[in-house]
Amino acid sequence: MNSTKIFHTTFVRGLLGVILACMVHLVAAQAYPNKSIRLIVGFAPGGPNDIAARIVGQKLSENVRVPVIIDNRPGANSMIGMQITARAVPDGYTIAMISASATSNPNVYTDVPFDLLKDFTPITVVASGVFILIVNPSLQVKSVKELIALAKAKPGQLNFASSGLGGTLHLAGELFKSLAHVDMNHVPYKGGAPAATDVVTGQVQVMFSPTAVAMPHVKSGKLVALAVTSSKRSDLVPELPTIAEAGVPGYETTGWYGFVGPAGMAKAVLTTLNREVVKSLSNPELKQQFTKLDLDPVGNTPEEMKRHIQAELVKWAKVVKDANLPRGKVF
């Protein structure tokens, strides 16, 4: 066989391979979804990530008519669950709920086992929300100024809980320490719910908590709410001042939650997922549930979510640097 025929044969085989691959993607996309979707949550059940994931997952399941199964994989500040997601087949049947913690991890740990921008496919930002500064009643403080005064009187004797080392709730506390010029010890947990439980029992005294986790304990009198972390007051608890209003000028920290899949998802599958999640977020019942949690539904495009992640990586790098936090290992 001459070189021309060899080239022709090779070219045709290559072209057929490309066509076949495209047809496989097309068939898969047209059939998607035809089985249950696994939604990985990198924190313990009962926390804000878990609650938001279950609310959206239920509506998504109703829209696409297949089960959306929540798979809690707590640990390493959500990185265990994210690592599982990054290694999954990019067919749209394994996705993950991530939060702002995902964008702080690369600035805190030296051994993050994936690249947030390269190893994941952004789907959409699901919601944004504020945090509440809560304390155990035994501290007998009723305001941010009183907490600061107590912390200064007892340097290094107060402990604050978070959902994980290097996470948003941890950095919310570090930012507070830096701007208020106080010394408190950080105690990390595997989720917001177990952290808040130990604040209730008095094992730790302070926490920057998601509203959904904090308010039931505040309403029962087991915890005292001092302020919100956002730049403006919350519509859900308008009686609480912002931390900036309450005596720490320049303080602001907010959280967000979103869906990602493994890198390499077919565009048609990604389009379907984005469309159906955004549709879920417009559901009146879901909006009502989010309002009770002090969450605002978002529902943007994959490209917008990618730009948001890039901006958050820059933001938290500055917070970590300003707080002079040493970088460590988690695995």
C-alpha atoms as a PDB file:
ATOM      1  CA  MET A   1       0.000   0.000   0.000  1.00  0.00           C
ATOM      2  CA  ASN A   2       1.456   3.349  -1.011  1.00  0.00           C
ATOM      3  CA  SER A   3       1.799   6.334   1.302  1.00  0.00           C
ATOM      4  CA  THR A   4      -1.233   8.102  -0.212  1.00  0.00           C
ATOM      5  CA  LYS A   5      -3.511   5.157   0.542  1.00  0.00           C
ATOM      6  CA  ILE A   6      -2.058   4.807   4.053  1.00  0.00           C
ATOM      7  CA  PHE A   7      -2.696   8.501   4.718  1.00  0.00           C
ATOM      8  CA  HIS A   8      -6.223   8.205   3.311  1.00  0.00           C
ATOM      9  CA  THR A   9      -7.009   5.155   5.464  1.00  0.00           C
ATOM     10  CA  THR A  10      -5.599   6.745   8.614  1.00  0.00           C
ATOM     11  CA  PHE A  11      -7.485   9.975   7.976  1.00  0.00           C
ATOM     12  CA  VAL A  12     -10.785   8.162   7.446  1.00  0.00           C
ATOM     13  CA  ARG A  13     -10.312   6.078  10.586  1.00  0.00           C
ATOM     14  CA  GLY A  14      -9.513   9.187  12.601  1.00  0.00           C
ATOM     15  CA  LEU A  15     -12.503  11.021  11.187  1.00  0.00           C
ATOM     16  CA  LEU A  16     -14.791   8.091  11.988  1.00  0.00           C
ATOM     17  CA  GLY A  17     -13.406   8.031  15.530  1.00  0.00           C
ATOM     18  CA  VAL A  18     -14.212  11.700  16.021  1.00  0.00           C
ATOM     19  CA  ILE A  19     -17.712  11.233  14.576  1.00  0.00           C
ATOM     20  CA  LEU A  20     -18.310   8.205  16.809  1.00  0.00           C
ATOM     21  CA  ALA A  21     -17.159  10.105  19.906  1.00  0.00           C
ATOM     22  CA  CYS A  22     -19.469  12.995  19.056  1.00  0.00           C
ATOM     23  CA  MET A  23     -22.369  10.584  18.537  1.00  0.00           C
ATOM     24  CA  VAL A  24     -21.710   8.953  21.924  1.00  0.00           C
ATOM     25  CA  HIS A  25     -21.713  12.386  23.600  1.00  0.00           C
ATOM     26  CA  LEU A  26     -24.864  13.351  21.731  1.00  0.00           C
ATOM     27  CA  VAL A  27     -26.729  10.161  22.656  1.00  0.00           C
ATOM     28  CA  ALA A  28     -25.616  10.471  26.264  1.00  0.00           C
ATOM     29  CA  ALA A  29     -26.700  14.101  26.381  1.00  0.00           C
ATOM     30  CA  GLN A  30     -30.077  13.347  24.799  1.00  0.00           C
ATOM     31  CA  ALA A  31     -30.704  10.562  27.308  1.00  0.00           C
ATOM     32  CA  TYR A  32     -29.529  12.603  30.292  1.00  0.00           C
ATOM     33  CA  PRO A  33     -30.589  12.104  32.964  1.00  0.00           C
ATOM     34  CA  ASN A  34     -31.861   8.545  32.936  1.00  0.00           C
ATOM     35  CA  LYS A  35     -30.681   7.421  36.378  1.00  0.00           C
ATOM     36  CA  SER A  36     -30.137   8.896  39.839  1.00  0.00           C
ATOM     37  CA  ILE A  37     -27.800  11.871  40.325  1.00  0.00           C
ATOM     38  CA  ARG A  38     -25.329  11.761  43.190  1.00  0.00           C
ATOM     39  CA  LEU A  39     -24.944  15.112  44.962  1.00  0.00           C
ATOM     40  CA  ILE A  40     -21.862  15.091  47.182  1.00  0.00           C
ATOM     41  CA  VAL A  41     -21.785  17.405  50.208  1.00  0.00           C
ATOM     42  CA  GLY A  42     -18.381  17.793  51.836  1.00  0.00           C
ATOM     43  CA  PHE A  43     -19.759  18.566  55.288  1.00  0.00           C
ATOM     44  CA  ALA A  44     -21.741  16.746  57.980  1.00  0.00           C
ATOM     45  CA  PRO A  45     -25.557  16.485  57.814  1.00  0.00           C
ATOM     46  CA  GLY A  46     -27.492  19.365  59.332  1.00  0.00           C
ATOM     47  CA  GLY A  47     -25.125  22.154  58.325  1.00  0.00           C
ATOM     48  CA  PRO A  48     -25.878  24.937  55.824  1.00  0.00           C
ATOM     49  CA  ASN A  49     -24.272  23.165  52.853  1.00  0.00           C
ATOM     50  CA  ASP A  50     -26.288  20.049  53.583  1.00  0.00           C
ATOM     51  CA  ILE A  51     -29.572  21.907  54.138  1.00  0.00           C
ATOM     52  CA  ALA A  52     -29.222  23.964  50.945  1.00  0.00           C
ATOM     53  CA  ALA A  53     -28.206  20.880  48.962  1.00  0.00           C
ATOM     54  CA  ARG A  54     -31.257  18.937  50.146  1.00  0.00           C
ATOM     55  CA  ILE A  55     -33.649  21.776  49.345  1.00  0.00           C
ATOM     56  CA  VAL A  56     -32.294  22.285  45.825  1.00  0.00           C
ATOM     57  CA  GLY A  57     -31.794  18.559  45.300  1.00  0.00           C
ATOM     58  CA  GLN A  58     -35.449  17.854  45.993  1.00  0.00           C
ATOM     59  CA  LYS A  59     -36.648  20.427  43.447  1.00  0.00           C
ATOM     60  CA  LEU A  60     -34.053  19.305  40.900  1.00  0.00           C
ATOM     61  CA  SER A  61     -35.274  15.729  41.318  1.00  0.00           C
ATOM     62  CA  GLU A  62     -38.842  16.842  40.653  1.00  0.00           C
ATOM     63  CA  ASN A  63     -37.748  18.698  37.509  1.00  0.00           C
ATOM     64  CA  VAL A  64     -35.618  15.970  35.920  1.00  0.00           C
ATOM     65  CA  ARG A  65     -37.715  13.076  37.267  1.00  0.00           C
ATOM     66  CA  VAL A  66     -34.845  11.044  38.644  1.00  0.00           C
ATOM     67  CA  PRO A  67     -33.691  10.747  42.285  1.00  0.00           C
ATOM     68  CA  VAL A  68     -31.052  13.199  43.505  1.00  0.00           C
ATOM     69  CA  ILE A  69     -29.224  11.383  46.279  1.00  0.00           C
ATOM     70  CA  ILE A  70     -27.319  13.395  48.904  1.00  0.00           C
ATOM     71  CA  ASP A  71     -23.954  11.825  49.765  1.00  0.00           C
ATOM     72  CA  ASN A  72     -22.359  13.458  52.819  1.00  0.00           C
ATOM     73  CA  ARG A  73     -18.561  13.119  52.802  1.00  0.00           C
ATOM     74  CA  PRO A  74     -17.360  15.384  55.633  1.00  0.00           C
ATOM     75  CA  GLY A  75     -13.742  16.098  56.425  1.00  0.00           C
ATOM     76  CA  ALA A  76     -10.732  18.167  55.389  1.00  0.00           C
ATOM     77  CA  ASN A  77     -12.889  21.279  55.063  1.00  0.00           C
ATOM     78  CA  SER A  78     -14.925  19.717  52.203  1.00  0.00           C
ATOM     79  CA  MET A  79     -11.856  18.501  50.293  1.00  0.00           C
ATOM     80  CA  ILE A  80     -12.625  14.795  50.765  1.00  0.00           C
ATOM     81  CA  GLY A  81     -15.956  15.198  48.998  1.00  0.00           C
ATOM     82  CA  MET A  82     -14.460  17.458  46.357  1.00  0.00           C
ATOM     83  CA  GLN A  83     -11.655  14.993  45.642  1.00  0.00           C
ATOM     84  CA  ILE A  84     -14.226  12.242  45.077  1.00  0.00           C
ATOM     85  CA  THR A  85     -16.081  14.544  42.679  1.00  0.00           C
ATOM     86  CA  ALA A  86     -12.943  15.503  40.769  1.00  0.00           C
ATOM     87  CA  ARG A  87     -12.134  11.827  40.167  1.00  0.00           C
ATOM     88  CA  ALA A  88     -15.675  10.875  39.110  1.00  0.00           C
ATOM     89  CA  VAL A  89     -16.746  10.146  35.542  1.00  0.00           C
ATOM     90  CA  PRO A  90     -17.806  13.503  34.005  1.00  0.00           C
ATOM     91  CA  ASP A  91     -21.193  12.235  32.851  1.00  0.00           C
ATOM     92  CA  GLY A  92     -23.356  14.526  34.997  1.00  0.00           C
ATOM     93  CA  TYR A  93     -24.325  11.806  37.460  1.00  0.00           C
ATOM     94  CA  THR A  94     -21.853  12.930  40.146  1.00  0.00           C
ATOM     95  CA  ILE A  95     -21.884  16.588  41.160  1.00  0.00           C
ATOM     96  CA  ALA A  96     -21.000  18.415  44.353  1.00  0.00           C
ATOM     97  CA  MET A  97     -22.214  21.275  46.493  1.00  0.00           C
ATOM     98  CA  ILE A  98     -19.287  23.597  47.252  1.00  0.00           C
ATOM     99  CA  SER A  99     -19.102  26.778  49.289  1.00  0.00           C
ATOM    100  CA  ALA A 100     -16.811  29.736  49.777  1.00  0.00           C
ATOM    101  CA  SER A 101     -14.563  27.382  51.779  1.00  0.00           C
ATOM    102  CA  ALA A 102     -13.486  25.800  48.494  1.00  0.00           C
ATOM    103  CA  THR A 103     -11.870  29.083  47.464  1.00  0.00           C
ATOM    104  CA  SER A 104     -10.058  29.580  50.758  1.00  0.00           C
ATOM    105  CA  ASN A 105      -8.539  26.083  50.936  1.00  0.00           C
ATOM    106  CA  PRO A 106      -5.807  26.690  48.305  1.00  0.00           C
ATOM    107  CA  ASN A 107      -4.647  29.694  50.330  1.00  0.00           C
ATOM    108  CA  VAL A 108      -4.465  27.766  53.621  1.00  0.00           C
ATOM    109  CA  TYR A 109      -3.214  24.295  52.663  1.00  0.00           C
ATOM    110  CA  THR A 110      -0.143  23.244  50.705  1.00  0.00           C
ATOM    111  CA  ASP A 111      -1.483  19.815  49.759  1.00  0.00           C
ATOM    112  CA  VAL A 112      -4.863  20.481  48.147  1.00  0.00           C
ATOM    113  CA  PRO A 113      -5.201  17.413  45.869  1.00  0.00           C
ATOM    114  CA  PHE A 114      -6.890  19.190  42.973  1.00  0.00           C
ATOM    115  CA  ASP A 115      -7.044  22.478  41.097  1.00  0.00           C
ATOM    116  CA  LEU A 116     -10.367  24.246  41.650  1.00  0.00           C
ATOM    117  CA  LEU A 117     -10.298  25.861  38.204  1.00  0.00           C
ATOM    118  CA  LYS A 118      -8.880  22.959  36.170  1.00  0.00           C
ATOM    119  CA  ASP A 119     -10.399  19.859  37.778  1.00  0.00           C
ATOM    120  CA  PHE A 120     -14.036  20.935  38.027  1.00  0.00           C
ATOM    121  CA  THR A 121     -16.833  22.118  35.771  1.00  0.00           C
ATOM    122  CA  PRO A 122     -18.763  25.058  37.271  1.00  0.00           C
ATOM    123  CA  ILE A 123     -22.544  24.573  36.987  1.00  0.00           C
ATOM    124  CA  THR A 124     -24.090  27.493  38.877  1.00  0.00           C
ATOM    125  CA  VAL A 125     -23.944  29.463  42.103  1.00  0.00           C
ATOM    126  CA  VAL A 126     -26.989  28.307  44.052  1.00  0.00           C
ATOM    127  CA  ALA A 127     -27.289  30.871  46.846  1.00  0.00           C
ATOM    128  CA  SER A 128     -25.576  33.551  48.878  1.00  0.00           C
ATOM    129  CA  GLY A 129     -26.057  34.382  52.537  1.00  0.00           C
ATOM    130  CA  VAL A 130     -24.723  36.015  55.681  1.00  0.00           C
ATOM    131  CA  PHE A 131     -23.363  34.656  58.951  1.00  0.00           C
ATOM    132  CA  ILE A 132     -24.275  35.499  62.534  1.00  0.00           C
ATOM    133  CA  LEU A 133     -21.871  36.045  65.416  1.00  0.00           C
ATOM    134  CA  ILE A 134     -23.180  33.875  68.263  1.00  0.00           C
ATOM    135  CA  VAL A 135     -21.948  33.229  71.809  1.00  0.00           C
ATOM    136  CA  ASN A 136     -22.772  30.910  74.677  1.00  0.00           C
ATOM    137  CA  PRO A 137     -24.988  32.648  77.296  1.00  0.00           C
ATOM    138  CA  SER A 138     -22.434  31.814  80.009  1.00  0.00           C
ATOM    139  CA  LEU A 139     -20.200  34.579  78.654  1.00  0.00           C
ATOM    140  CA  GLN A 140     -22.867  37.081  79.750  1.00  0.00           C
ATOM    141  CA  VAL A 141     -22.147  39.432  76.846  1.00  0.00           C
ATOM    142  CA  LYS A 142     -24.941  41.172  74.948  1.00  0.00           C
ATOM    143  CA  SER A 143     -23.016  43.080  72.281  1.00  0.00           C
ATOM    144  CA  VAL A 144     -19.964  42.952  70.052  1.00  0.00           C
ATOM    145  CA  LYS A 145     -18.262  45.626  72.158  1.00  0.00           C
ATOM    146  CA  GLU A 146     -18.785  43.547  75.307  1.00  0.00           C
ATOM    147  CA  LEU A 147     -17.331  40.475  73.579  1.00  0.00           C
ATOM    148  CA  ILE A 148     -14.281  42.456  72.484  1.00  0.00           C
ATOM    149  CA  ALA A 149     -13.805  43.810  76.001  1.00  0.00           C
ATOM    150  CA  LEU A 150     -14.022  40.295  77.466  1.00  0.00           C
ATOM    151  CA  ALA A 151     -11.602  38.879  74.892  1.00  0.00           C
ATOM    152  CA  LYS A 152      -9.107  41.641  75.649  1.00  0.00           C
ATOM    153  CA  ALA A 153      -9.474  41.038  79.383  1.00  0.00           C
ATOM    154  CA  LYS A 154      -8.873  37.304  78.859  1.00  0.00           C
ATOM    155  CA  PRO A 155      -6.463  37.036  75.904  1.00  0.00           C
ATOM    156  CA  GLY A 156      -6.208  33.513  74.519  1.00  0.00           C
ATOM    157  CA  GLN A 157      -8.891  32.152  76.864  1.00  0.00           C
ATOM    158  CA  LEU A 158     -11.907  32.296  74.545  1.00  0.00           C
ATOM    159  CA  ASN A 159     -12.407  29.654  71.847  1.00  0.00           C
ATOM    160  CA  PHE A 160     -14.309  30.067  68.593  1.00  0.00           C
ATOM    161  CA  ALA A 161     -15.659  27.158  66.560  1.00  0.00           C
ATOM    162  CA  SER A 162     -15.815  26.735  62.784  1.00  0.00           C
ATOM    163  CA  SER A 163     -16.831  24.125  60.212  1.00  0.00           C
ATOM    164  CA  GLY A 164     -13.186  23.441  59.338  1.00  0.00           C
ATOM    165  CA  LEU A 165      -9.650  24.774  59.292  1.00  0.00           C
ATOM    166  CA  GLY A 166      -9.268  27.389  56.572  1.00  0.00           C
ATOM    167  CA  GLY A 167     -12.972  27.537  55.791  1.00  0.00           C
ATOM    168  CA  THR A 168     -15.079  30.672  55.497  1.00  0.00           C
ATOM    169  CA  LEU A 169     -16.303  30.480  59.097  1.00  0.00           C
ATOM    170  CA  HIS A 170     -12.732  30.105  60.309  1.00  0.00           C
ATOM    171  CA  LEU A 171     -11.549  33.068  58.259  1.00  0.00           C
ATOM    172  CA  ALA A 172     -14.549  35.089  59.450  1.00  0.00           C
ATOM    173  CA  GLY A 173     -13.161  34.630  62.956  1.00  0.00           C
ATOM    174  CA  GLU A 174      -9.608  35.430  61.918  1.00  0.00           C
ATOM    175  CA  LEU A 175     -10.759  38.628  60.217  1.00  0.00           C
ATOM    176  CA  PHE A 176     -12.627  39.585  63.390  1.00  0.00           C
ATOM    177  CA  LYS A 177      -9.532  38.925  65.518  1.00  0.00           C
ATOM    178  CA  SER A 178      -7.413  41.042  63.203  1.00  0.00           C
ATOM    179  CA  LEU A 179      -9.751  44.039  62.975  1.00  0.00           C
ATOM    180  CA  ALA A 180     -10.878  43.957  66.626  1.00  0.00           C
ATOM    181  CA  HIS A 181      -7.332  43.319  67.892  1.00  0.00           C
ATOM    182  CA  VAL A 182      -8.287  40.360  70.088  1.00  0.00           C
ATOM    183  CA  ASP A 183      -6.795  36.923  70.682  1.00  0.00           C
ATOM    184  CA  MET A 184      -9.119  33.885  70.519  1.00  0.00           C
ATOM    185  CA  ASN A 185      -8.324  30.228  69.858  1.00  0.00           C
ATOM    186  CA  HIS A 186      -9.743  28.487  66.806  1.00  0.00           C
ATOM    187  CA  VAL A 187     -11.399  25.053  67.206  1.00  0.00           C
ATOM    188  CA  PRO A 188     -12.245  23.356  63.854  1.00  0.00           C
ATOM    189  CA  TYR A 189     -15.072  20.834  63.340  1.00  0.00           C
ATOM    190  CA  LYS A 190     -16.300  18.726  60.411  1.00  0.00           C
ATOM    191  CA  GLY A 191     -19.354  20.901  59.831  1.00  0.00           C
ATOM    192  CA  GLY A 192     -21.383  23.867  61.043  1.00  0.00           C
ATOM    193  CA  ALA A 193     -23.935  21.750  62.921  1.00  0.00           C
ATOM    194  CA  PRO A 194     -21.498  19.898  65.239  1.00  0.00           C
ATOM    195  CA  ALA A 195     -19.613  23.166  65.798  1.00  0.00           C
ATOM    196  CA  ALA A 196     -22.796  24.970  66.891  1.00  0.00           C
ATOM    197  CA  THR A 197     -23.703  22.037  69.142  1.00  0.00           C
ATOM    198  CA  ASP A 198     -20.482  22.493  71.095  1.00  0.00           C
ATOM    199  CA  VAL A 199     -21.144  26.229  71.402  1.00  0.00           C
ATOM    200  CA  VAL A 200     -24.544  25.344  72.898  1.00  0.00           C
ATOM    201  CA  THR A 201     -22.951  22.967  75.414  1.00  0.00           C
ATOM    202  CA  GLY A 202     -20.213  25.460  76.265  1.00  0.00           C
ATOM    203  CA  GLN A 203     -17.287  23.397  74.962  1.00  0.00           C
ATOM    204  CA  VAL A 204     -16.446  26.500  72.928  1.00  0.00           C
ATOM    205  CA  GLN A 205     -17.846  29.964  73.516  1.00  0.00           C
ATOM    206  CA  VAL A 206     -18.009  31.804  70.179  1.00  0.00           C
ATOM    207  CA  MET A 207     -18.874  31.054  66.553  1.00  0.00           C
ATOM    208  CA  PHE A 208     -19.522  32.793  63.257  1.00  0.00           C
ATOM    209  CA  SER A 209     -22.430  30.664  62.113  1.00  0.00           C
ATOM    210  CA  PRO A 210     -24.769  30.364  59.127  1.00  0.00           C
ATOM    211  CA  THR A 211     -28.218  31.666  59.984  1.00  0.00           C
ATOM    212  CA  ALA A 212     -29.864  28.285  59.388  1.00  0.00           C
ATOM    213  CA  VAL A 213     -27.668  26.660  62.024  1.00  0.00           C
ATOM    214  CA  ALA A 214     -27.723  29.458  64.583  1.00  0.00           C
ATOM    215  CA  MET A 215     -31.299  30.746  64.715  1.00  0.00           C
ATOM    216  CA  PRO A 216     -33.062  27.681  66.176  1.00  0.00           C
ATOM    217  CA  HIS A 217     -30.637  27.796  69.125  1.00  0.00           C
ATOM    218  CA  VAL A 218     -30.973  31.573  69.419  1.00  0.00           C
ATOM    219  CA  LYS A 219     -34.777  31.366  69.476  1.00  0.00           C
ATOM    220  CA  SER A 220     -34.663  28.678  72.175  1.00  0.00           C
ATOM    221  CA  GLY A 221     -32.378  30.834  74.320  1.00  0.00           C
ATOM    222  CA  LYS A 222     -29.461  28.406  74.128  1.00  0.00           C
ATOM    223  CA  LEU A 223     -27.300  30.901  72.235  1.00  0.00           C
ATOM    224  CA  VAL A 224     -27.049  34.682  72.066  1.00  0.00           C
ATOM    225  CA  ALA A 225     -26.830  36.427  68.666  1.00  0.00           C
ATOM    226  CA  LEU A 226     -24.727  39.589  68.634  1.00  0.00           C
ATOM    227  CA  ALA A 227     -24.463  40.753  65.006  1.00  0.00           C
ATOM    228  CA  VAL A 228     -24.435  39.764  61.329  1.00  0.00           C
ATOM    229  CA  THR A 229     -21.296  39.616  59.214  1.00  0.00           C
ATOM    230  CA  SER A 230     -22.621  41.342  56.077  1.00  0.00           C
ATOM    231  CA  SER A 231     -22.266  44.979  55.071  1.00  0.00           C
ATOM    232  CA  LYS A 232     -25.990  45.583  55.621  1.00  0.00           C
ATOM    233  CA  ARG A 233     -28.533  44.217  58.077  1.00  0.00           C
ATOM    234  CA  SER A 234     -30.354  40.969  57.379  1.00  0.00           C
ATOM    235  CA  ASP A 235     -34.027  41.052  56.416  1.00  0.00           C
ATOM    236  CA  LEU A 236     -34.552  37.915  58.506  1.00  0.00           C
ATOM    237  CA  VAL A 237     -33.073  39.374  61.711  1.00  0.00           C
ATOM    238  CA  PRO A 238     -33.188  43.154  61.149  1.00  0.00           C
ATOM    239  CA  GLU A 239     -32.794  43.820  64.864  1.00  0.00           C
ATOM    240  CA  LEU A 240     -29.181  42.609  64.727  1.00  0.00           C
ATOM    241  CA  PRO A 241     -26.559  45.199  63.794  1.00  0.00           C
ATOM    242  CA  THR A 242     -23.733  44.453  61.407  1.00  0.00           C
ATOM    243  CA  ILE A 243     -20.366  43.788  63.036  1.00  0.00           C
ATOM    244  CA  ALA A 244     -19.108  46.969  61.393  1.00  0.00           C
ATOM    245  CA  GLU A 245     -21.965  48.939  62.958  1.00  0.00           C
ATOM    246  CA  ALA A 246     -21.357  47.290  66.303  1.00  0.00           C
ATOM    247  CA  GLY A 247     -17.796  48.491  66.662  1.00  0.00           C
ATOM    248  CA  VAL A 248     -15.518  46.818  64.103  1.00  0.00           C
ATOM    249  CA  PRO A 249     -15.322  49.185  61.094  1.00  0.00           C
ATOM    250  CA  GLY A 250     -14.542  47.554  57.761  1.00  0.00           C
ATOM    251  CA  TYR A 251     -15.681  44.082  58.779  1.00  0.00           C
ATOM    252  CA  GLU A 252     -17.611  42.083  56.156  1.00  0.00           C
ATOM    253  CA  THR A 253     -17.837  38.377  55.378  1.00  0.00           C
ATOM    254  CA  THR A 254     -20.515  36.578  53.359  1.00  0.00           C
ATOM    255  CA  GLY A 255     -20.973  33.016  52.179  1.00  0.00           C
ATOM    256  CA  TRP A 256     -22.163  31.299  49.021  1.00  0.00           C
ATOM    257  CA  TYR A 257     -23.004  27.812  47.806  1.00  0.00           C
ATOM    258  CA  GLY A 258     -22.817  26.334  44.321  1.00  0.00           C
ATOM    259  CA  PHE A 259     -22.814  23.184  42.195  1.00  0.00           C
ATOM    260  CA  VAL A 260     -19.813  21.817  40.300  1.00  0.00           C
ATOM    261  CA  GLY A 261     -19.081  18.614  38.417  1.00  0.00           C
ATOM    262  CA  PRO A 262     -15.857  16.903  37.319  1.00  0.00           C
ATOM    263  CA  ALA A 263     -13.842  18.526  34.536  1.00  0.00           C
ATOM    264  CA  GLY A 264     -14.734  17.452  31.013  1.00  0.00           C
ATOM    265  CA  MET A 265     -18.512  17.320  31.235  1.00  0.00           C
ATOM    266  CA  ALA A 266     -20.245  17.328  27.853  1.00  0.00           C
ATOM    267  CA  LYS A 267     -21.641  20.752  26.989  1.00  0.00           C
ATOM    268  CA  ALA A 268     -25.150  19.386  26.415  1.00  0.00           C
ATOM    269  CA  VAL A 269     -25.166  17.712  29.854  1.00  0.00           C
ATOM    270  CA  LEU A 270     -23.844  20.888  31.493  1.00  0.00           C
ATOM    271  CA  THR A 271     -26.503  22.960  29.728  1.00  0.00           C
ATOM    272  CA  THR A 272     -29.226  20.627  30.968  1.00  0.00           C
ATOM    273  CA  LEU A 273     -27.946  20.647  34.537  1.00  0.00           C
ATOM    274  CA  ASN A 274     -27.581  24.422  34.627  1.00  0.00           C
ATOM    275  CA  ARG A 275     -31.041  24.964  33.158  1.00  0.00           C
ATOM    276  CA  GLU A 276     -32.762  22.573  35.561  1.00  0.00           C
ATOM    277  CA  VAL A 277     -30.964  23.853  38.682  1.00  0.00           C
ATOM    278  CA  VAL A 278     -31.746  27.476  37.751  1.00  0.00           C
ATOM    279  CA  LYS A 279     -35.358  26.440  37.154  1.00  0.00           C
ATOM    280  CA  SER A 280     -35.402  24.858  40.628  1.00  0.00           C
ATOM    281  CA  LEU A 281     -34.146  28.091  42.181  1.00  0.00           C
ATOM    282  CA  SER A 282     -37.111  30.008  40.731  1.00  0.00           C
ATOM    283  CA  ASN A 283     -39.603  27.725  42.468  1.00  0.00           C
ATOM    284  CA  PRO A 284     -41.745  29.772  44.949  1.00  0.00           C
ATOM    285  CA  GLU A 285     -41.606  27.046  47.607  1.00  0.00           C
ATOM    286  CA  LEU A 286     -37.819  26.884  47.391  1.00  0.00           C
ATOM    287  CA  LYS A 287     -37.560  30.673  47.628  1.00  0.00           C
ATOM    288  CA  GLN A 288     -39.682  30.580  50.778  1.00  0.00           C
ATOM    289  CA  GLN A 289     -37.453  27.910  52.298  1.00  0.00           C
ATOM    290  CA  PHE A 290     -34.348  29.922  51.427  1.00  0.00           C
ATOM    291  CA  THR A 291     -35.830  33.063  52.985  1.00  0.00           C
ATOM    292  CA  LYS A 292     -36.229  31.228  56.286  1.00  0.00           C
ATOM    293  CA  LEU A 293     -32.533  30.344  56.090  1.00  0.00           C
ATOM    294  CA  ASP A 294     -31.517  33.916  55.223  1.00  0.00           C
ATOM    295  CA  LEU A 295     -30.316  32.748  51.799  1.00  0.00           C
ATOM    296  CA  ASP A 296     -30.805  34.496  48.469  1.00  0.00           C
ATOM    297  CA  PRO A 297     -31.120  32.218  45.401  1.00  0.00           C
ATOM    298  CA  VAL A 298     -28.672  33.091  42.605  1.00  0.00           C
ATOM    299  CA  GLY A 299     -28.702  30.768  39.577  1.00  0.00           C
ATOM    300  CA  ASN A 300     -26.098  32.190  37.199  1.00  0.00           C
ATOM    301  CA  THR A 301     -24.316  30.709  34.164  1.00  0.00           C
ATOM    302  CA  PRO A 302     -21.307  28.357  34.334  1.00  0.00           C
ATOM    303  CA  GLU A 303     -19.120  31.142  32.938  1.00  0.00           C
ATOM    304  CA  GLU A 304     -20.337  33.575  35.605  1.00  0.00           C
ATOM    305  CA  MET A 305     -19.690  31.012  38.324  1.00  0.00           C
ATOM    306  CA  LYS A 306     -16.149  30.499  37.029  1.00  0.00           C
ATOM    307  CA  ARG A 307     -15.475  34.244  37.212  1.00  0.00           C
ATOM    308  CA  HIS A 308     -16.950  34.293  40.724  1.00  0.00           C
ATOM    309  CA  ILE A 309     -14.611  31.484  41.824  1.00  0.00           C
ATOM    310  CA  GLN A 310     -11.616  33.330  40.367  1.00  0.00           C
ATOM    311  CA  ALA A 311     -12.544  36.516  42.274  1.00  0.00           C
ATOM    312  CA  GLU A 312     -13.071  34.577  45.518  1.00  0.00           C
ATOM    313  CA  LEU A 313      -9.641  32.932  45.249  1.00  0.00           C
ATOM    314  CA  VAL A 314      -8.054  36.391  45.098  1.00  0.00           C
ATOM    315  CA  LYS A 315     -10.209  37.716  47.963  1.00  0.00           C
ATOM    316  CA  TRP A 316      -9.411  34.931  50.425  1.00  0.00           C
ATOM    317  CA  ALA A 317      -5.720  34.966  49.540  1.00  0.00           C
ATOM    318  CA  LYS A 318      -5.637  38.542  50.834  1.00  0.00           C
ATOM    319  CA  VAL A 319      -7.549  37.671  54.024  1.00  0.00           C
ATOM    320  CA  VAL A 320      -5.192  34.785  54.785  1.00  0.00           C
ATOM    321  CA  LYS A 321      -2.156  36.961  54.151  1.00  0.00           C
ATOM    322  CA  ASP A 322      -3.478  39.829  56.271  1.00  0.00           C
ATOM    323  CA  ALA A 323      -4.306  37.417  59.116  1.00  0.00           C
ATOM    324  CA  ASN A 324      -0.762  36.008  58.839  1.00  0.00           C
ATOM    325  CA  LEU A 325      -2.038  32.422  58.888  1.00  0.00           C
ATOM    326  CA  PRO A 326       0.605  29.737  58.422  1.00  0.00           C
ATOM    327  CA  ARG A 327      -0.039  27.315  55.561  1.00  0.00           C
ATOM    328  CA  GLY A 328      -0.305  23.684  56.606  1.00  0.00           C
ATOM    329  CA  LYS A 329      -1.175  20.193  55.405  1.00  0.00           C
ATOM    330  CA  VAL A 330      -4.501  18.447  55.714  1.00  0.00           C
ATOM    331  CA  PHE A 331      -3.774  15.041  54.165  1.00  0.00           C
END
